Amino acid sequence: MAKQNFSEIKMPPEFERYKKIIKYAAVVLLGVIVVSTTFVTVSTEENAVVLRFGEYQRTLDPGLSFVMPFGIERVYKIPVERQLKLEFGYRTEQAGTRSRYSSRDFKEESLMLTGDLNLAQVEWVVQYRINDPYRFLFKVRNPEKTLEDMSESAMRQIVGDRTVDEVLTIGRQEVAMQVEQLLQEMCIEYENGIKIEQIVLQDVNPPDPVKPSFNGVNEAQQQRERLINEAKAEFNKVIPSAKGEAQEKIQQAEGYAFQRINESKGEVARFNALYQEYVKAPEITKRRMYLETMTKILPKMGNKVILDEKGRNVLPLLQMQNGKGGTK
């Protein structure tokens, strides 16, 4: 039996049709692969770093951009406009209107030694942005873990320079500002492409075993401050009132003294003027002084009966007055 050549074998028509479909599908698939690996879309809050065979080439801005297909150029998208955060001492398990937090298994990173050799549990948040995608990707290995270690180191350094009372009460804002400044300086030194935006101290508490004693001390201090404030309020209420009354008495005394002095000066001036007139005409001055004195005295007296030296009939006048109401 002669061997049959494969080229002489006649394929059925269905095979030829399937062969064309496979070719078309391969072309379409190749086109899809080319398009999908050639064009890249960068969102508004991102920048994209382009690598060609592992070497940095360029940084893409938001929008639609072209890259070399088939994995020749790889794209790493970095969220440069998004605010990122790191949490210390706790973790957010569920965000939203009813957020749920967990501080379990995070006590070691929040337990710190203060400058007066006391312990405090400090929970804080580091809010940051990536401002240089190239440095973020290539200058530091594992930049987020490095930033976490840097943040913890900076916080321990600043807290270690403060007393426990400062960290827990009046010095919280200053601690946050100094940690932010120190951490930003470290980011610049390490060239990790990160900008620190804010350090937020969440909860600063004494360790659980000593919390009751610490609360007792705080209550005593608050009571002390309350009593001091009440004493100052009473002082501010009484002392100004007493000073006002004293000033009023002084002003009244000064006014009375001024009045008496002026009256005395007036009387002296009147007496001197009267004496000068008396020297000029003694009889007339005596007469005038007598009349002026009587003018002042007579209105203050009751009913008066003035008789002439030559008068003899007094009774009718007295009876008339008695008829009108009696003699007074």
Protein backbone atom coordinates (compact mmCIF):
# COMPACT_ATOMS: atom_id res chain seq x y z
CA MET A 1 0.00 0.00 0.00
CA ALA A 2 1.54 3.31 -1.03
CA LYS A 3 2.05 5.95 1.58
CA GLN A 4 -0.30 8.94 1.25
CA ASN A 5 1.23 12.46 1.31
CA PHE A 6 -0.27 14.78 3.94
CA SER A 7 -0.32 17.60 1.41
CA GLU A 8 -2.61 15.52 -0.73
CA ILE A 9 -5.05 14.97 2.13
CA LYS A 10 -8.13 17.04 1.59
CA MET A 11 -9.49 18.71 4.77
CA PRO A 12 -13.20 19.04 5.27
CA PRO A 13 -14.75 22.53 4.79
CA GLU A 14 -15.59 22.87 8.52
CA PHE A 15 -11.90 22.71 9.39
CA GLU A 16 -11.06 25.58 7.07
CA ARG A 17 -13.82 27.68 8.63
CA TYR A 18 -12.59 26.96 12.15
CA LYS A 19 -9.04 27.80 11.07
CA LYS A 20 -10.12 31.27 9.92
CA ILE A 21 -12.01 31.88 13.16
CA ILE A 22 -8.94 30.94 15.18
CA LYS A 23 -6.80 33.33 13.12
CA TYR A 24 -9.27 36.17 13.62
CA ALA A 25 -9.50 35.46 17.36
CA ALA A 26 -5.71 35.43 17.62
CA VAL A 27 -5.48 38.76 15.82
CA VAL A 28 -8.19 40.28 18.04
CA LEU A 29 -6.53 38.94 21.17
CA LEU A 30 -3.19 40.31 20.04
CA GLY A 31 -4.80 43.67 19.37
CA VAL A 32 -6.43 43.69 22.80
CA ILE A 33 -3.10 42.84 24.44
CA VAL A 34 -1.33 45.57 22.49
CA VAL A 35 -3.97 48.18 23.33
CA SER A 36 -4.19 47.19 26.98
CA THR A 37 -0.42 47.29 27.43
CA THR A 38 0.14 50.40 25.32
CA PHE A 39 -2.27 52.89 26.88
CA VAL A 40 -2.44 53.62 30.59
CA THR A 41 -4.92 55.84 32.46
CA VAL A 42 -3.68 57.83 35.44
CA SER A 43 -6.37 59.21 37.76
CA THR A 44 -6.45 62.79 39.00
CA GLU A 45 -4.97 61.97 42.40
CA GLU A 46 -2.08 59.89 41.03
CA ASN A 47 1.24 60.11 39.23
CA ALA A 48 2.66 57.14 37.38
CA VAL A 49 6.33 56.13 37.33
CA VAL A 50 7.43 54.38 34.13
CA LEU A 51 10.24 51.78 34.16
CA ARG A 52 11.81 50.24 31.05
CA PHE A 53 13.45 46.93 31.83
CA GLY A 54 13.66 48.06 35.47
CA GLU A 55 15.24 51.45 34.72
CA TYR A 56 13.44 54.68 35.52
CA GLN A 57 12.33 56.60 32.42
CA ARG A 58 9.74 59.24 33.27
CA THR A 59 6.80 60.25 35.47
CA LEU A 60 3.32 60.50 33.97
CA ASP A 61 0.79 63.13 34.95
CA PRO A 62 -2.94 62.39 35.30
CA GLY A 63 -4.66 61.46 32.06
CA LEU A 64 -4.26 58.95 29.20
CA SER A 65 -0.64 58.17 28.28
CA PHE A 66 1.26 55.87 25.91
CA VAL A 67 3.82 53.28 27.00
CA MET A 68 5.67 50.53 25.18
CA PRO A 69 3.60 47.30 25.07
CA PHE A 70 4.19 43.71 26.11
CA GLY A 71 5.68 44.66 29.46
CA ILE A 72 8.66 46.49 27.98
CA GLU A 73 7.66 49.46 30.08
CA ARG A 74 6.01 48.89 33.46
CA VAL A 75 3.89 51.50 35.26
CA TYR A 76 3.65 52.08 39.02
CA LYS A 77 0.83 54.40 40.09
CA ILE A 78 1.49 56.51 43.20
CA PRO A 79 -1.37 58.42 44.98
CA VAL A 80 0.36 61.81 45.32
CA GLU A 81 -2.83 63.80 46.04
CA ARG A 82 -4.30 61.41 48.61
CA GLN A 83 -3.72 61.98 52.31
CA LEU A 84 -2.36 58.80 53.85
CA LYS A 85 -2.01 57.95 57.52
CA LEU A 86 -0.24 55.67 59.94
CA GLU A 87 -1.82 54.74 63.28
CA PHE A 88 0.18 53.96 66.41
CA GLY A 89 -1.14 52.32 69.56
CA TYR A 90 -4.39 51.28 67.89
CA ARG A 91 -5.82 50.35 64.48
CA THR A 92 -9.06 51.32 62.79
CA GLU A 93 -10.99 48.11 62.13
CA GLN A 94 -14.04 49.77 60.61
CA ALA A 95 -14.28 53.34 59.36
CA GLY A 96 -17.47 55.32 58.91
CA THR A 97 -20.14 56.95 61.03
CA ARG A 98 -19.64 54.23 63.65
CA SER A 99 -15.95 53.59 63.52
CA ARG A 100 -14.53 50.70 65.47
CA TYR A 101 -10.99 50.72 66.83
CA SER A 102 -8.75 48.13 68.37
CA SER A 103 -5.78 48.70 70.67
CA ARG A 104 -5.18 45.00 71.11
CA ASP A 105 -1.58 43.84 70.49
CA PHE A 106 -0.35 47.42 69.99
CA LYS A 107 0.66 48.29 73.55
CA GLU A 108 4.38 47.97 72.89
CA GLU A 109 4.50 50.73 70.31
CA SER A 110 2.44 53.11 72.47
CA LEU A 111 4.16 52.53 75.85
CA MET A 112 6.83 55.21 76.34
CA LEU A 113 9.21 56.42 79.03
CA THR A 114 8.96 60.11 79.90
CA GLY A 115 11.76 62.39 81.03
CA ASP A 116 10.88 62.00 84.72
CA LEU A 117 11.11 58.18 84.45
CA ASN A 118 7.35 57.60 84.32
CA LEU A 119 5.40 55.58 81.78
CA ALA A 120 2.68 56.84 79.46
CA GLN A 121 0.63 55.21 76.74
CA VAL A 122 0.63 57.50 73.71
CA GLU A 123 -1.65 56.86 70.74
CA TRP A 124 -1.13 59.06 67.70
CA VAL A 125 -1.68 59.38 63.96
CA VAL A 126 0.79 60.47 61.28
CA GLN A 127 -0.92 62.12 58.29
CA TYR A 128 1.30 62.42 55.22
CA ARG A 129 1.42 62.71 51.43
CA ILE A 130 3.81 61.38 48.79
CA ASN A 131 5.26 64.43 47.08
CA ASP A 132 8.02 62.74 45.05
CA PRO A 133 7.06 59.37 43.48
CA TYR A 134 10.60 58.68 42.21
CA ARG A 135 12.21 59.04 45.65
CA PHE A 136 9.35 57.16 47.28
CA LEU A 137 9.97 54.14 45.02
CA PHE A 138 13.75 54.08 44.69
CA LYS A 139 15.50 55.99 47.50
CA VAL A 140 14.31 53.92 50.48
CA ARG A 141 13.44 50.26 50.64
CA ASN A 142 9.95 49.69 52.04
CA PRO A 143 9.27 53.41 52.63
CA GLU A 144 6.03 52.94 54.61
CA LYS A 145 7.68 50.60 57.14
CA THR A 146 10.64 52.99 57.32
CA LEU A 147 8.28 55.91 57.98
CA GLU A 148 6.59 53.89 60.72
CA ASP A 149 9.93 53.26 62.45
CA MET A 150 10.93 56.91 62.04
CA SER A 151 7.64 58.11 63.54
CA GLU A 152 7.96 55.88 66.58
CA SER A 153 11.57 56.98 67.08
CA ALA A 154 10.68 60.68 66.83
CA MET A 155 7.78 60.33 69.27
CA ARG A 156 9.90 58.48 71.82
CA GLN A 157 12.60 61.14 71.57
CA ILE A 158 10.23 64.06 72.14
CA VAL A 159 8.24 62.33 74.90
CA GLY A 160 11.52 61.38 76.59
CA ASP A 161 12.32 65.10 76.98
CA ARG A 162 9.03 65.88 78.78
CA THR A 163 7.56 65.07 82.15
CA VAL A 164 4.55 62.81 82.35
CA ASP A 165 2.33 65.73 83.41
CA GLU A 166 3.34 67.75 80.35
CA VAL A 167 2.66 64.83 78.02
CA LEU A 168 -0.71 64.10 79.56
CA THR A 169 -1.99 67.66 79.97
CA ILE A 170 -0.56 71.01 78.95
CA GLY A 171 2.26 69.88 76.66
CA ARG A 172 0.33 67.73 74.18
CA GLN A 173 0.13 70.35 71.43
CA GLU A 174 3.80 71.20 71.76
CA VAL A 175 4.75 67.51 71.64
CA ALA A 176 2.76 67.03 68.42
CA MET A 177 4.36 70.07 66.78
CA GLN A 178 7.90 69.02 67.71
CA VAL A 179 7.34 65.45 66.49
CA GLU A 180 6.01 66.79 63.18
CA GLN A 181 9.06 69.03 62.74
CA LEU A 182 11.55 66.31 63.67
CA LEU A 183 9.88 63.69 61.47
CA GLN A 184 9.85 66.04 58.47
CA GLU A 185 13.56 66.72 58.94
CA MET A 186 14.21 62.97 58.98
CA CYS A 187 12.17 62.50 55.77
CA ILE A 188 14.24 65.19 54.04
CA GLU A 189 17.45 63.58 55.25
CA TYR A 190 16.40 60.11 54.06
CA GLU A 191 15.01 61.48 50.75
CA ASN A 192 11.97 59.23 50.92
CA GLY A 193 9.68 61.60 48.99
CA ILE A 194 7.21 62.00 51.86
CA LYS A 195 5.77 65.23 53.26
CA ILE A 196 4.43 65.14 56.83
CA GLU A 197 1.21 67.12 57.08
CA GLN A 198 0.11 66.63 60.69
CA ILE A 199 0.75 64.69 63.87
CA VAL A 200 -2.42 64.09 65.90
CA LEU A 201 -2.20 62.85 69.48
CA GLN A 202 -5.31 60.76 70.08
CA ASP A 203 -5.21 59.37 73.61
CA VAL A 204 -2.45 59.89 76.15
CA ASN A 205 -3.04 57.93 79.34
CA PRO A 206 -1.05 56.40 82.16
CA PRO A 207 -0.65 52.61 82.08
CA ASP A 208 -3.65 50.65 83.32
CA PRO A 209 -2.02 49.41 86.59
CA VAL A 210 -1.34 52.96 87.83
CA LYS A 211 -4.35 54.68 86.30
CA PRO A 212 -6.44 54.79 89.57
CA SER A 213 -3.59 56.43 91.48
CA PHE A 214 -2.96 58.87 88.67
CA ASN A 215 -6.65 59.78 88.51
CA GLY A 216 -6.59 60.42 92.26
CA VAL A 217 -3.66 62.80 91.86
CA ASN A 218 -5.44 64.57 89.00
CA GLU A 219 -8.58 64.99 91.08
CA ALA A 220 -6.56 66.47 93.93
CA GLN A 221 -4.83 68.88 91.54
CA GLN A 222 -8.16 69.87 90.00
CA GLN A 223 -9.63 70.50 93.44
CA ARG A 224 -6.58 72.57 94.34
CA GLU A 225 -6.97 74.63 91.17
CA ARG A 226 -10.69 75.05 91.85
CA LEU A 227 -10.07 76.35 95.38
CA ILE A 228 -7.37 78.71 94.11
CA ASN A 229 -9.73 80.04 91.44
CA GLU A 230 -12.52 80.50 93.99
CA ALA A 231 -10.15 82.40 96.30
CA LYS A 232 -9.01 84.60 93.42
CA ALA A 233 -12.62 85.24 92.46
CA GLU A 234 -13.48 86.26 96.03
CA PHE A 235 -10.35 88.43 96.16
CA ASN A 236 -11.29 90.11 92.90
CA LYS A 237 -14.80 90.66 94.25
CA VAL A 238 -13.95 92.08 97.71
CA ILE A 239 -10.72 93.99 97.18
CA PRO A 240 -11.89 96.23 94.31
CA SER A 241 -15.10 96.99 96.24
CA ALA A 242 -13.11 97.95 99.35
CA LYS A 243 -10.73 100.04 97.27
CA GLY A 244 -13.71 101.76 95.67
CA GLU A 245 -15.28 102.55 99.01
CA ALA A 246 -11.97 103.85 100.37
CA GLN A 247 -11.50 106.01 97.30
CA GLU A 248 -15.04 107.33 97.68
CA LYS A 249 -14.43 108.23 101.35
CA ILE A 250 -11.19 109.95 100.43
CA GLN A 251 -12.90 111.96 97.70
CA GLN A 252 -15.74 112.91 100.06
CA ALA A 253 -13.22 114.04 102.70
CA GLU A 254 -11.28 116.01 100.11
CA GLY A 255 -14.50 117.62 98.88
CA TYR A 256 -15.58 118.49 102.41
CA ALA A 257 -12.16 119.95 103.20
CA PHE A 258 -12.24 121.96 99.97
CA GLN A 259 -15.74 123.21 100.83
CA ARG A 260 -14.79 124.20 104.38
CA ILE A 261 -11.68 125.98 103.21
CA ASN A 262 -13.61 127.92 100.58
CA GLU A 263 -16.33 128.82 103.09
CA SER A 264 -13.71 129.95 105.62
CA LYS A 265 -11.97 132.03 102.98
CA GLY A 266 -15.33 133.53 102.03
CA GLU A 267 -16.18 134.37 105.63
CA VAL A 268 -12.77 135.91 106.15
CA ALA A 269 -13.14 137.97 102.99
CA ARG A 270 -16.67 139.05 104.06
CA PHE A 271 -15.46 139.95 107.57
CA ASN A 272 -12.57 141.97 106.16
CA ALA A 273 -14.91 143.80 103.80
CA LEU A 274 -17.38 144.43 106.62
CA TYR A 275 -14.62 145.68 108.89
CA GLN A 276 -13.46 148.13 106.26
CA GLU A 277 -17.00 149.50 106.01
CA TYR A 278 -17.26 149.61 109.79
CA VAL A 279 -14.12 151.67 110.02
CA LYS A 280 -15.58 154.14 107.59
CA ALA A 281 -19.00 154.48 109.32
CA PRO A 282 -19.35 152.60 112.61
CA GLU A 283 -22.95 153.62 113.46
CA ILE A 284 -24.37 152.93 110.07
CA THR A 285 -22.61 149.59 109.90
CA LYS A 286 -23.90 148.63 113.35
CA ARG A 287 -27.42 149.57 112.31
CA ARG A 288 -27.21 147.61 109.09
CA MET A 289 -25.78 144.58 110.89
CA TYR A 290 -28.60 144.77 113.42
CA LEU A 291 -31.24 144.90 110.75
CA GLU A 292 -29.70 142.03 108.79
CA THR A 293 -29.53 139.95 111.96
CA MET A 294 -33.16 140.65 112.83
CA THR A 295 -34.15 139.77 109.26
CA LYS A 296 -32.71 136.34 109.79
CA ILE A 297 -34.07 135.84 113.34
CA LEU A 298 -37.64 137.12 113.12
CA PRO A 299 -38.90 134.69 110.42
CA LYS A 300 -37.91 131.82 112.68
CA MET A 301 -40.01 133.05 115.63
CA GLY A 302 -43.72 132.26 116.23
CA ASN A 303 -46.52 134.85 116.46
CA LYS A 304 -45.08 138.20 117.33
CA VAL A 305 -46.60 141.30 118.90
CA ILE A 306 -44.63 144.47 118.32
CA LEU A 307 -45.66 147.40 120.55
CA ASP A 308 -44.81 150.98 120.44
CA GLU A 309 -43.34 152.42 123.58
CA LYS A 310 -46.33 154.73 123.91
CA GLY A 311 -48.98 152.08 123.29
CA ARG A 312 -51.42 151.22 126.11
CA ASN A 313 -54.13 149.03 124.64
CA VAL A 314 -52.83 145.48 124.27
CA LEU A 315 -55.81 143.42 125.30
CA PRO A 316 -58.09 144.04 122.29
CA LEU A 317 -55.30 142.93 119.99
CA LEU A 318 -54.69 139.83 122.06
CA GLN A 319 -58.44 139.03 122.19
CA MET A 320 -58.69 139.31 118.43
CA GLN A 321 -55.83 136.90 118.01
CA ASN A 322 -57.44 134.55 120.60
CA GLY A 323 -60.69 134.62 118.68
CA LYS A 324 -58.83 133.46 115.60
CA GLY A 325 -57.14 130.59 117.29
CA GLY A 326 -55.57 131.71 120.51
CA THR A 327 -52.33 133.38 121.39
CA LYS A 328 -49.24 131.47 120.56
